[in-house]
Amino acid sequence: MAKLIYSAITSLDGHVADARGSFEWAVPDDDVHAYVNDLERPVGLYLYGRRMYEVMVGWESPEATLGRNALAQDFADHWRSAHKLVYSRTLAAPISARTRVERTFDPTVIRQVKAGSHTDLAIGGASLAAQAFSASLVDECHLFVVPVVVGGGKRGLPEHVRLRFELLDVHRFNGGVVHLHYRTRT
């Protein structure tokens, strides 16, 4: 069975965006980007909320990587080849290939997709991930903790959900970022 994986770049105080909605402090350096690219290779389906999709859809265009390094091109190639499932009540139609829009998040459907998939699924966006955490769908977490405190904003992990995790790995990067890899305990 495929795994549903939540990955996020968070501040030291647990936010994926600051109070203004900015995440410029989270742009990965080359070492982190290469590591993320390797983690993404087993993913065949991305689940997104509308806002995260609108951020990520920039990778759809070949122009997005013009003048950028091979790491950006590698990520863009993988992202374009993967399937995307976007949950939105307002998005009329997808604006990328291999993309389907659904109006509501249905945990039963995700369980069926996981059971029938030969590739892992990744969930992006803290709000959508909170729904998956609440439904006990998330199998693993990859948290990249950036050494910055932003003092508030969008939380990377859901509130009012109690879960236990098992630490599988820790990786330190020269720039101070720490990668924490967890598996959810049942």
N, C-alpha and C. Protein backbone atom coordinates (compact mmCIF):
# COMPACT_ATOMS: atom_id res chain seq x y z
N MET A 1 0.85 -1.18 0.00
CA MET A 1 0.00 0.00 0.00
C MET A 1 0.89 1.24 0.00
N ALA A 2 0.45 2.23 -0.71
CA ALA A 2 1.17 3.50 -0.78
C ALA A 2 1.06 4.24 0.55
N LYS A 3 2.02 5.13 0.78
CA LYS A 3 2.00 5.98 1.97
C LYS A 3 1.49 7.36 1.59
N LEU A 4 0.82 8.00 2.54
CA LEU A 4 0.46 9.42 2.40
C LEU A 4 1.46 10.19 3.25
N ILE A 5 2.19 11.09 2.62
CA ILE A 5 3.30 11.79 3.25
C ILE A 5 3.02 13.28 3.29
N TYR A 6 3.19 13.87 4.46
CA TYR A 6 3.09 15.32 4.61
C TYR A 6 4.49 15.88 4.75
N SER A 7 4.83 16.80 3.87
CA SER A 7 6.12 17.49 3.92
C SER A 7 5.87 18.97 4.06
N ALA A 8 6.69 19.61 4.90
CA ALA A 8 6.55 21.05 5.08
C ALA A 8 7.87 21.65 5.51
N ILE A 9 8.08 22.87 5.09
CA ILE A 9 9.20 23.67 5.58
C ILE A 9 8.60 24.60 6.62
N THR A 10 9.07 24.48 7.86
CA THR A 10 8.49 25.26 8.95
C THR A 10 9.55 26.11 9.64
N SER A 11 9.07 27.15 10.27
CA SER A 11 9.94 27.95 11.13
C SER A 11 10.19 27.19 12.42
N LEU A 12 11.13 27.64 13.19
CA LEU A 12 11.42 27.01 14.48
C LEU A 12 10.20 27.04 15.40
N ASP A 13 9.35 28.06 15.25
CA ASP A 13 8.14 28.14 16.06
C ASP A 13 6.92 27.50 15.37
N GLY A 14 7.17 26.68 14.35
CA GLY A 14 6.13 25.83 13.79
C GLY A 14 5.22 26.41 12.73
N HIS A 15 5.64 27.46 12.05
CA HIS A 15 4.79 28.09 11.03
C HIS A 15 5.31 27.82 9.62
N VAL A 16 4.38 27.67 8.68
CA VAL A 16 4.75 27.51 7.27
C VAL A 16 4.67 28.84 6.53
N ALA A 17 4.03 29.82 7.12
CA ALA A 17 3.96 31.19 6.60
C ALA A 17 3.84 32.12 7.79
N ASP A 18 4.37 33.32 7.64
CA ASP A 18 4.29 34.27 8.75
C ASP A 18 2.92 34.96 8.77
N ALA A 19 2.74 35.90 9.67
CA ALA A 19 1.44 36.56 9.84
C ALA A 19 0.99 37.31 8.59
N ARG A 20 1.93 37.72 7.73
CA ARG A 20 1.59 38.39 6.46
C ARG A 20 1.33 37.40 5.34
N GLY A 21 1.52 36.10 5.62
CA GLY A 21 1.36 35.07 4.60
C GLY A 21 2.63 34.81 3.81
N SER A 22 3.71 35.43 4.21
CA SER A 22 4.98 35.29 3.50
C SER A 22 5.74 34.07 3.98
N PHE A 23 6.45 33.44 3.05
CA PHE A 23 7.32 32.31 3.40
C PHE A 23 8.67 32.45 2.70
N GLU A 24 9.09 33.70 2.44
CA GLU A 24 10.37 33.93 1.77
C GLU A 24 11.53 33.40 2.60
N TRP A 25 11.36 33.31 3.88
CA TRP A 25 12.38 32.78 4.78
C TRP A 25 12.55 31.26 4.61
N ALA A 26 11.66 30.61 3.88
CA ALA A 26 11.66 29.16 3.74
C ALA A 26 12.27 28.67 2.43
N VAL A 27 12.75 29.56 1.59
CA VAL A 27 13.32 29.14 0.30
C VAL A 27 14.54 28.26 0.58
N PRO A 28 14.52 27.02 0.08
CA PRO A 28 15.62 26.10 0.39
C PRO A 28 16.89 26.43 -0.38
N ASP A 29 18.04 26.21 0.29
CA ASP A 29 19.31 26.34 -0.42
C ASP A 29 19.52 25.07 -1.26
N ASP A 30 20.61 25.00 -2.00
CA ASP A 30 20.83 23.88 -2.91
C ASP A 30 20.89 22.53 -2.20
N ASP A 31 21.51 22.48 -1.02
CA ASP A 31 21.59 21.21 -0.29
C ASP A 31 20.20 20.70 0.09
N VAL A 32 19.37 21.59 0.62
CA VAL A 32 18.02 21.20 1.02
C VAL A 32 17.20 20.85 -0.22
N HIS A 33 17.35 21.65 -1.28
CA HIS A 33 16.57 21.39 -2.50
C HIS A 33 16.90 20.01 -3.08
N ALA A 34 18.17 19.64 -3.12
CA ALA A 34 18.57 18.33 -3.63
C ALA A 34 17.97 17.22 -2.78
N TYR A 35 17.96 17.41 -1.48
CA TYR A 35 17.41 16.43 -0.55
C TYR A 35 15.90 16.27 -0.77
N VAL A 36 15.21 17.40 -0.91
CA VAL A 36 13.77 17.38 -1.18
C VAL A 36 13.49 16.66 -2.50
N ASN A 37 14.26 16.95 -3.52
CA ASN A 37 14.06 16.29 -4.81
C ASN A 37 14.13 14.77 -4.66
N ASP A 38 15.11 14.28 -3.90
CA ASP A 38 15.23 12.84 -3.70
C ASP A 38 14.03 12.27 -2.94
N LEU A 39 13.52 13.03 -1.96
CA LEU A 39 12.35 12.57 -1.21
C LEU A 39 11.09 12.51 -2.08
N GLU A 40 11.02 13.38 -3.07
CA GLU A 40 9.82 13.48 -3.90
C GLU A 40 9.75 12.41 -4.99
N ARG A 41 10.84 11.76 -5.31
CA ARG A 41 10.86 10.81 -6.43
C ARG A 41 9.80 9.70 -6.33
N PRO A 42 9.54 9.12 -5.16
CA PRO A 42 8.52 8.06 -5.08
C PRO A 42 7.07 8.56 -5.17
N VAL A 43 6.87 9.87 -5.18
CA VAL A 43 5.51 10.43 -5.18
C VAL A 43 4.94 10.45 -6.60
N GLY A 44 3.76 9.87 -6.74
CA GLY A 44 3.07 9.86 -8.03
C GLY A 44 1.82 10.70 -8.05
N LEU A 45 1.34 11.10 -6.85
CA LEU A 45 0.11 11.90 -6.75
C LEU A 45 0.28 12.92 -5.63
N TYR A 46 0.03 14.18 -5.96
CA TYR A 46 0.05 15.27 -4.98
C TYR A 46 -1.37 15.68 -4.67
N LEU A 47 -1.68 15.82 -3.39
CA LEU A 47 -2.98 16.33 -2.94
C LEU A 47 -2.75 17.75 -2.43
N TYR A 48 -3.52 18.70 -2.96
CA TYR A 48 -3.35 20.10 -2.60
C TYR A 48 -4.68 20.76 -2.29
N GLY A 49 -4.62 21.72 -1.39
CA GLY A 49 -5.69 22.70 -1.28
C GLY A 49 -5.46 23.75 -2.36
N ARG A 50 -6.44 24.60 -2.60
CA ARG A 50 -6.33 25.58 -3.67
C ARG A 50 -5.12 26.50 -3.54
N ARG A 51 -4.90 27.04 -2.35
CA ARG A 51 -3.80 28.00 -2.18
C ARG A 51 -2.44 27.36 -2.42
N MET A 52 -2.23 26.17 -1.90
CA MET A 52 -0.95 25.49 -2.13
C MET A 52 -0.78 25.15 -3.61
N TYR A 53 -1.86 24.72 -4.23
CA TYR A 53 -1.82 24.43 -5.67
C TYR A 53 -1.43 25.67 -6.45
N GLU A 54 -2.00 26.81 -6.10
CA GLU A 54 -1.66 28.04 -6.83
C GLU A 54 -0.20 28.43 -6.65
N VAL A 55 0.41 28.07 -5.54
CA VAL A 55 1.85 28.29 -5.36
C VAL A 55 2.63 27.30 -6.22
N MET A 56 2.24 26.04 -6.16
CA MET A 56 3.00 24.98 -6.83
C MET A 56 2.84 24.96 -8.35
N VAL A 57 1.72 25.46 -8.85
CA VAL A 57 1.47 25.38 -10.29
C VAL A 57 2.48 26.20 -11.09
N GLY A 58 3.22 27.05 -10.43
CA GLY A 58 4.30 27.76 -11.11
C GLY A 58 5.33 26.82 -11.72
N TRP A 59 5.46 25.62 -11.17
CA TRP A 59 6.40 24.64 -11.71
C TRP A 59 5.91 24.04 -13.03
N GLU A 60 4.66 24.26 -13.38
CA GLU A 60 4.09 23.69 -14.61
C GLU A 60 4.74 24.27 -15.86
N SER A 61 5.07 25.52 -15.81
CA SER A 61 5.60 26.21 -16.99
C SER A 61 7.10 25.96 -17.14
N PRO A 62 7.53 25.58 -18.34
CA PRO A 62 8.98 25.42 -18.57
C PRO A 62 9.75 26.72 -18.30
N GLU A 63 9.08 27.85 -18.47
CA GLU A 63 9.73 29.14 -18.22
C GLU A 63 10.07 29.33 -16.75
N ALA A 64 9.41 28.59 -15.86
CA ALA A 64 9.64 28.73 -14.42
C ALA A 64 11.07 28.37 -14.03
N THR A 65 11.72 27.54 -14.85
CA THR A 65 13.06 27.11 -14.50
C THR A 65 14.13 27.71 -15.41
N LEU A 66 13.74 28.57 -16.34
CA LEU A 66 14.74 29.22 -17.19
C LEU A 66 15.72 30.01 -16.34
N GLY A 67 16.99 29.80 -16.58
CA GLY A 67 18.01 30.52 -15.84
C GLY A 67 18.25 30.00 -14.44
N ARG A 68 17.52 28.96 -14.04
CA ARG A 68 17.72 28.38 -12.71
C ARG A 68 18.60 27.15 -12.84
N ASN A 69 19.04 26.64 -11.71
CA ASN A 69 19.96 25.52 -11.74
C ASN A 69 19.27 24.19 -12.04
N ALA A 70 20.08 23.15 -12.16
CA ALA A 70 19.57 21.82 -12.50
C ALA A 70 18.65 21.26 -11.43
N LEU A 71 18.82 21.68 -10.17
CA LEU A 71 17.94 21.21 -9.09
C LEU A 71 16.50 21.66 -9.31
N ALA A 72 16.34 22.90 -9.72
CA ALA A 72 15.00 23.42 -10.01
C ALA A 72 14.39 22.69 -11.21
N GLN A 73 15.19 22.45 -12.22
CA GLN A 73 14.70 21.73 -13.40
C GLN A 73 14.29 20.31 -13.04
N ASP A 74 15.09 19.65 -12.20
CA ASP A 74 14.79 18.29 -11.76
C ASP A 74 13.45 18.25 -11.02
N PHE A 75 13.26 19.20 -10.10
CA PHE A 75 12.00 19.24 -9.35
C PHE A 75 10.83 19.50 -10.30
N ALA A 76 10.99 20.47 -11.18
CA ALA A 76 9.91 20.82 -12.11
C ALA A 76 9.53 19.63 -13.00
N ASP A 77 10.53 18.90 -13.49
CA ASP A 77 10.25 17.74 -14.33
C ASP A 77 9.43 16.70 -13.58
N HIS A 78 9.81 16.45 -12.33
CA HIS A 78 9.05 15.47 -11.54
C HIS A 78 7.63 15.98 -11.27
N TRP A 79 7.52 17.24 -10.88
CA TRP A 79 6.21 17.79 -10.55
C TRP A 79 5.26 17.72 -11.75
N ARG A 80 5.79 18.07 -12.93
CA ARG A 80 4.94 18.03 -14.13
C ARG A 80 4.52 16.61 -14.48
N SER A 81 5.35 15.61 -14.18
CA SER A 81 5.02 14.23 -14.54
C SER A 81 4.05 13.57 -13.55
N ALA A 82 3.93 14.12 -12.36
CA ALA A 82 3.05 13.54 -11.34
C ALA A 82 1.60 13.99 -11.54
N HIS A 83 0.70 13.22 -10.98
CA HIS A 83 -0.72 13.59 -10.99
C HIS A 83 -0.99 14.51 -9.79
N LYS A 84 -1.98 15.38 -9.96
CA LYS A 84 -2.36 16.32 -8.90
C LYS A 84 -3.87 16.22 -8.68
N LEU A 85 -4.24 16.25 -7.40
CA LEU A 85 -5.64 16.28 -7.01
C LEU A 85 -5.82 17.50 -6.13
N VAL A 86 -6.62 18.46 -6.60
CA VAL A 86 -6.79 19.74 -5.92
C VAL A 86 -8.18 19.81 -5.31
N TYR A 87 -8.23 20.17 -4.03
CA TYR A 87 -9.50 20.32 -3.33
C TYR A 87 -9.82 21.80 -3.25
N SER A 88 -10.91 22.18 -3.93
CA SER A 88 -11.29 23.59 -3.94
C SER A 88 -12.77 23.72 -4.26
N ARG A 89 -13.42 24.62 -3.55
CA ARG A 89 -14.82 24.94 -3.86
C ARG A 89 -14.91 26.07 -4.88
N THR A 90 -13.80 26.76 -5.11
CA THR A 90 -13.83 27.95 -5.96
C THR A 90 -13.08 27.81 -7.27
N LEU A 91 -12.13 26.90 -7.37
CA LEU A 91 -11.36 26.74 -8.61
C LEU A 91 -12.24 26.08 -9.66
N ALA A 92 -12.46 26.77 -10.78
CA ALA A 92 -13.36 26.27 -11.81
C ALA A 92 -12.79 25.07 -12.55
N ALA A 93 -11.48 25.13 -12.84
CA ALA A 93 -10.84 24.07 -13.61
C ALA A 93 -9.35 24.07 -13.30
N PRO A 94 -8.69 22.93 -13.50
CA PRO A 94 -7.25 22.90 -13.24
C PRO A 94 -6.50 23.76 -14.26
N ILE A 95 -5.35 24.26 -13.83
CA ILE A 95 -4.52 25.06 -14.73
C ILE A 95 -3.18 24.38 -14.97
N SER A 96 -3.16 23.06 -14.78
CA SER A 96 -1.97 22.27 -15.06
C SER A 96 -2.42 20.91 -15.60
N ALA A 97 -1.49 20.24 -16.29
CA ALA A 97 -1.77 18.92 -16.83
C ALA A 97 -1.84 17.91 -15.68
N ARG A 98 -2.46 16.78 -15.96
CA ARG A 98 -2.54 15.67 -15.00
C ARG A 98 -3.18 16.09 -13.68
N THR A 99 -4.15 16.98 -13.75
CA THR A 99 -4.73 17.56 -12.54
C THR A 99 -6.25 17.41 -12.57
N ARG A 100 -6.79 17.04 -11.43
CA ARG A 100 -8.24 16.93 -11.25
C ARG A 100 -8.63 17.79 -10.06
N VAL A 101 -9.79 18.43 -10.15
CA VAL A 101 -10.31 19.26 -9.06
C VAL A 101 -11.50 18.54 -8.43
N GLU A 102 -11.47 18.44 -7.11
CA GLU A 102 -12.59 17.90 -6.33
C GLU A 102 -13.08 18.98 -5.39
N ARG A 103 -14.35 18.98 -5.10
CA ARG A 103 -14.94 20.02 -4.25
C ARG A 103 -14.74 19.75 -2.76
N THR A 104 -14.75 18.47 -2.36
CA THR A 104 -14.64 18.16 -0.93
C THR A 104 -13.63 17.04 -0.72
N PHE A 105 -12.99 17.08 0.43
CA PHE A 105 -12.02 16.07 0.84
C PHE A 105 -12.78 14.91 1.47
N ASP A 106 -12.61 13.72 0.90
CA ASP A 106 -13.31 12.53 1.39
C ASP A 106 -12.27 11.51 1.84
N PRO A 107 -12.11 11.31 3.14
CA PRO A 107 -11.12 10.35 3.64
C PRO A 107 -11.28 8.93 3.08
N THR A 108 -12.52 8.51 2.85
CA THR A 108 -12.75 7.17 2.31
C THR A 108 -12.13 7.02 0.93
N VAL A 109 -12.26 8.04 0.11
CA VAL A 109 -11.67 8.01 -1.23
C VAL A 109 -10.15 7.95 -1.14
N ILE A 110 -9.57 8.71 -0.23
CA ILE A 110 -8.11 8.71 -0.09
C ILE A 110 -7.62 7.34 0.38
N ARG A 111 -8.33 6.71 1.28
CA ARG A 111 -7.97 5.36 1.71
C ARG A 111 -7.97 4.39 0.52
N GLN A 112 -8.96 4.53 -0.35
CA GLN A 112 -9.05 3.68 -1.53
C GLN A 112 -7.90 3.96 -2.50
N VAL A 113 -7.59 5.24 -2.68
CA VAL A 113 -6.48 5.61 -3.57
C VAL A 113 -5.17 5.05 -3.03
N LYS A 114 -4.94 5.20 -1.73
CA LYS A 114 -3.72 4.66 -1.11
C LYS A 114 -3.63 3.15 -1.32
N ALA A 115 -4.74 2.45 -1.13
CA ALA A 115 -4.75 1.00 -1.24
C ALA A 115 -4.45 0.53 -2.66
N GLY A 116 -4.84 1.32 -3.64
CA GLY A 116 -4.66 0.91 -5.03
C GLY A 116 -3.46 1.52 -5.73
N SER A 117 -2.70 2.34 -5.05
CA SER A 117 -1.59 3.05 -5.70
C SER A 117 -0.26 2.30 -5.56
N HIS A 118 0.53 2.37 -6.62
CA HIS A 118 1.87 1.79 -6.60
C HIS A 118 2.93 2.84 -6.30
N THR A 119 2.50 4.08 -6.19
CA THR A 119 3.41 5.17 -5.83
C THR A 119 2.86 5.87 -4.60
N ASP A 120 3.75 6.55 -3.88
CA ASP A 120 3.32 7.28 -2.69
C ASP A 120 2.52 8.52 -3.07
N LEU A 121 1.76 9.02 -2.09
CA LEU A 121 0.98 10.24 -2.23
C LEU A 121 1.59 11.28 -1.29
N ALA A 122 1.60 12.51 -1.72
CA ALA A 122 2.07 13.61 -0.87
C ALA A 122 0.93 14.59 -0.70
N ILE A 123 0.82 15.12 0.50
CA ILE A 123 -0.22 16.10 0.77
C ILE A 123 0.45 17.42 1.09
N GLY A 124 0.03 18.47 0.41
CA GLY A 124 0.65 19.77 0.58
C GLY A 124 -0.38 20.80 1.00
N GLY A 125 0.03 21.64 1.90
CA GLY A 125 -0.86 22.67 2.42
C GLY A 125 -1.32 22.28 3.81
N ALA A 126 -1.06 23.15 4.76
CA ALA A 126 -1.34 22.83 6.16
C ALA A 126 -2.83 22.60 6.43
N SER A 127 -3.70 23.34 5.79
CA SER A 127 -5.14 23.18 6.04
C SER A 127 -5.65 21.84 5.55
N LEU A 128 -5.27 21.46 4.35
CA LEU A 128 -5.67 20.15 3.83
C LEU A 128 -5.03 19.04 4.64
N ALA A 129 -3.75 19.20 4.99
CA ALA A 129 -3.07 18.19 5.79
C ALA A 129 -3.76 18.01 7.14
N ALA A 130 -4.27 19.10 7.72
CA ALA A 130 -4.98 18.99 9.00
C ALA A 130 -6.18 18.06 8.87
N GLN A 131 -6.88 18.12 7.74
CA GLN A 131 -8.01 17.21 7.52
C GLN A 131 -7.53 15.76 7.44
N ALA A 132 -6.40 15.55 6.76
CA ALA A 132 -5.85 14.20 6.63
C ALA A 132 -5.34 13.69 7.97
N PHE A 133 -4.71 14.56 8.77
CA PHE A 133 -4.28 14.16 10.10
C PHE A 133 -5.49 13.79 10.96
N SER A 134 -6.54 14.59 10.89
CA SER A 134 -7.75 14.32 11.68
C SER A 134 -8.38 12.98 11.31
N ALA A 135 -8.25 12.58 10.06
CA ALA A 135 -8.82 11.32 9.60
C ALA A 135 -7.83 10.16 9.73
N SER A 136 -6.68 10.41 10.36
CA SER A 136 -5.63 9.38 10.54
C SER A 136 -5.16 8.79 9.22
N LEU A 137 -5.01 9.64 8.22
CA LEU A 137 -4.56 9.20 6.91
C LEU A 137 -3.07 9.37 6.68
N VAL A 138 -2.42 10.25 7.41
CA VAL A 138 -1.01 10.57 7.16
C VAL A 138 -0.14 9.47 7.77
N ASP A 139 0.73 8.90 6.93
CA ASP A 139 1.62 7.82 7.37
C ASP A 139 2.98 8.34 7.82
N GLU A 140 3.48 9.38 7.15
CA GLU A 140 4.80 9.91 7.46
C GLU A 140 4.80 11.42 7.33
N CYS A 141 5.74 12.04 8.07
CA CYS A 141 5.96 13.48 7.98
C CYS A 141 7.43 13.75 7.72
N HIS A 142 7.67 14.69 6.82
CA HIS A 142 9.00 15.23 6.58
C HIS A 142 8.93 16.70 6.92
N LEU A 143 9.51 17.08 8.03
CA LEU A 143 9.51 18.47 8.45
C LEU A 143 10.91 19.04 8.30
N PHE A 144 11.02 20.13 7.56
CA PHE A 144 12.28 20.84 7.40
C PHE A 144 12.18 22.08 8.27
N VAL A 145 12.92 22.11 9.35
CA VAL A 145 12.83 23.19 10.33
C VAL A 145 13.92 24.21 10.03
N VAL A 146 13.50 25.43 9.72
CA VAL A 146 14.40 26.53 9.38
C VAL A 146 14.71 27.31 10.67
N PRO A 147 15.96 27.66 10.90
CA PRO A 147 16.31 28.36 12.14
C PRO A 147 15.89 29.82 12.13
N VAL A 148 14.59 30.03 12.16
CA VAL A 148 14.03 31.38 12.20
C VAL A 148 12.73 31.30 13.01
N VAL A 149 12.47 32.33 13.79
CA VAL A 149 11.21 32.45 14.51
C VAL A 149 10.44 33.57 13.83
N VAL A 150 9.21 33.26 13.38
CA VAL A 150 8.43 34.26 12.67
C VAL A 150 7.34 34.89 13.54
N GLY A 151 7.12 34.34 14.72
CA GLY A 151 6.25 34.97 15.70
C GLY A 151 4.76 34.83 15.48
N GLY A 152 4.35 34.03 14.53
CA GLY A 152 2.92 33.82 14.29
C GLY A 152 2.67 33.60 12.81
N GLY A 153 1.47 33.20 12.50
CA GLY A 153 1.11 32.95 11.10
C GLY A 153 0.42 31.61 10.95
N LYS A 154 0.58 31.01 9.79
CA LYS A 154 -0.05 29.73 9.46
C LYS A 154 0.76 28.59 10.08
N ARG A 155 0.10 27.83 10.94
CA ARG A 155 0.77 26.70 11.62
C ARG A 155 0.99 25.55 10.65
N GLY A 156 2.11 24.88 10.79
CA GLY A 156 2.44 23.75 9.93
C GLY A 156 1.76 22.46 10.31
N LEU A 157 1.42 22.32 11.59
CA LEU A 157 0.74 21.13 12.08
C LEU A 157 -0.60 21.52 12.69
N PRO A 158 -1.57 20.64 12.62
CA PRO A 158 -2.92 21.01 13.08
C PRO A 158 -3.01 21.16 14.59
N GLU A 159 -3.89 22.04 15.00
CA GLU A 159 -4.23 22.17 16.41
C GLU A 159 -5.41 21.24 16.69
N HIS A 160 -5.58 20.89 17.94
CA HIS A 160 -6.72 20.09 18.40
C HIS A 160 -6.74 18.68 17.80
N VAL A 161 -5.57 18.19 17.39
CA VAL A 161 -5.44 16.81 16.94
C VAL A 161 -4.30 16.20 17.75
N ARG A 162 -4.57 15.07 18.33
CA ARG A 162 -3.53 14.42 19.13
C ARG A 162 -3.04 13.18 18.38
N LEU A 163 -1.75 13.19 18.05
CA LEU A 163 -1.13 12.08 17.33
C LEU A 163 0.23 11.77 17.94
N ARG A 164 0.64 10.54 17.78
CA ARG A 164 1.98 10.14 18.24
C ARG A 164 2.81 9.76 17.02
N PHE A 165 4.09 10.06 17.10
CA PHE A 165 5.00 9.81 15.99
C PHE A 165 6.23 9.05 16.46
N GLU A 166 6.83 8.34 15.54
CA GLU A 166 8.09 7.66 15.78
C GLU A 166 9.14 8.32 14.90
N LEU A 167 10.22 8.78 15.51
CA LEU A 167 11.30 9.43 14.76
C LEU A 167 12.06 8.38 13.98
N LEU A 168 12.15 8.56 12.65
CA LEU A 168 12.86 7.62 11.79
C LEU A 168 14.25 8.12 11.42
N ASP A 169 14.39 9.45 11.29
CA ASP A 169 15.68 9.98 10.85
C ASP A 169 15.76 11.47 11.14
N VAL A 170 16.99 11.93 11.32
CA VAL A 170 17.29 13.36 11.47
C VAL A 170 18.46 13.66 10.55
N HIS A 171 18.35 14.75 9.82
CA HIS A 171 19.44 15.17 8.95
C HIS A 171 19.69 16.66 9.15
N ARG A 172 20.93 17.01 9.42
CA ARG A 172 21.32 18.42 9.60
C ARG A 172 21.99 18.92 8.33
N PHE A 173 21.62 20.13 7.93
CA PHE A 173 22.22 20.77 6.77
C PHE A 173 23.16 21.87 7.23
N ASN A 174 24.16 22.17 6.40
CA ASN A 174 25.15 23.19 6.76
C ASN A 174 24.53 24.55 7.04
N GLY A 175 23.45 24.89 6.39
CA GLY A 175 22.81 26.19 6.58
C GLY A 175 21.99 26.29 7.86
N GLY A 176 21.91 25.22 8.64
CA GLY A 176 21.17 25.25 9.90
C GLY A 176 19.81 24.60 9.85
N VAL A 177 19.31 24.26 8.66
CA VAL A 177 18.03 23.57 8.53
C VAL A 177 18.19 22.14 9.06
N VAL A 178 17.15 21.65 9.71
CA VAL A 178 17.12 20.27 10.21
C VAL A 178 15.92 19.57 9.60
N HIS A 179 16.16 18.38 9.05
CA HIS A 179 15.07 17.56 8.51
C HIS A 179 14.72 16.50 9.55
N LEU A 180 13.44 16.44 9.90
CA LEU A 180 12.91 15.45 10.83
C LEU A 180 11.95 14.54 10.08
N HIS A 181 12.23 13.25 10.09
CA HIS A 181 11.40 12.28 9.39
C HIS A 181 10.69 11.42 10.43
N TYR A 182 9.38 11.47 10.41
CA TYR A 182 8.56 10.75 11.39
C TYR A 182 7.59 9.80 10.69
N ARG A 183 7.26 8.74 11.40
CA ARG A 183 6.18 7.85 10.99
C ARG A 183 5.09 7.98 12.07
N THR A 184 3.83 8.02 11.63
CA THR A 184 2.76 8.10 12.61
C THR A 184 2.60 6.76 13.29
N ARG A 185 2.29 6.81 14.57
CA ARG A 185 2.01 5.59 15.33
C ARG A 185 0.51 5.37 15.35
N THR A 186 0.12 4.11 15.27
CA THR A 186 -1.31 3.82 15.32
C THR A 186 -1.70 3.34 16.70
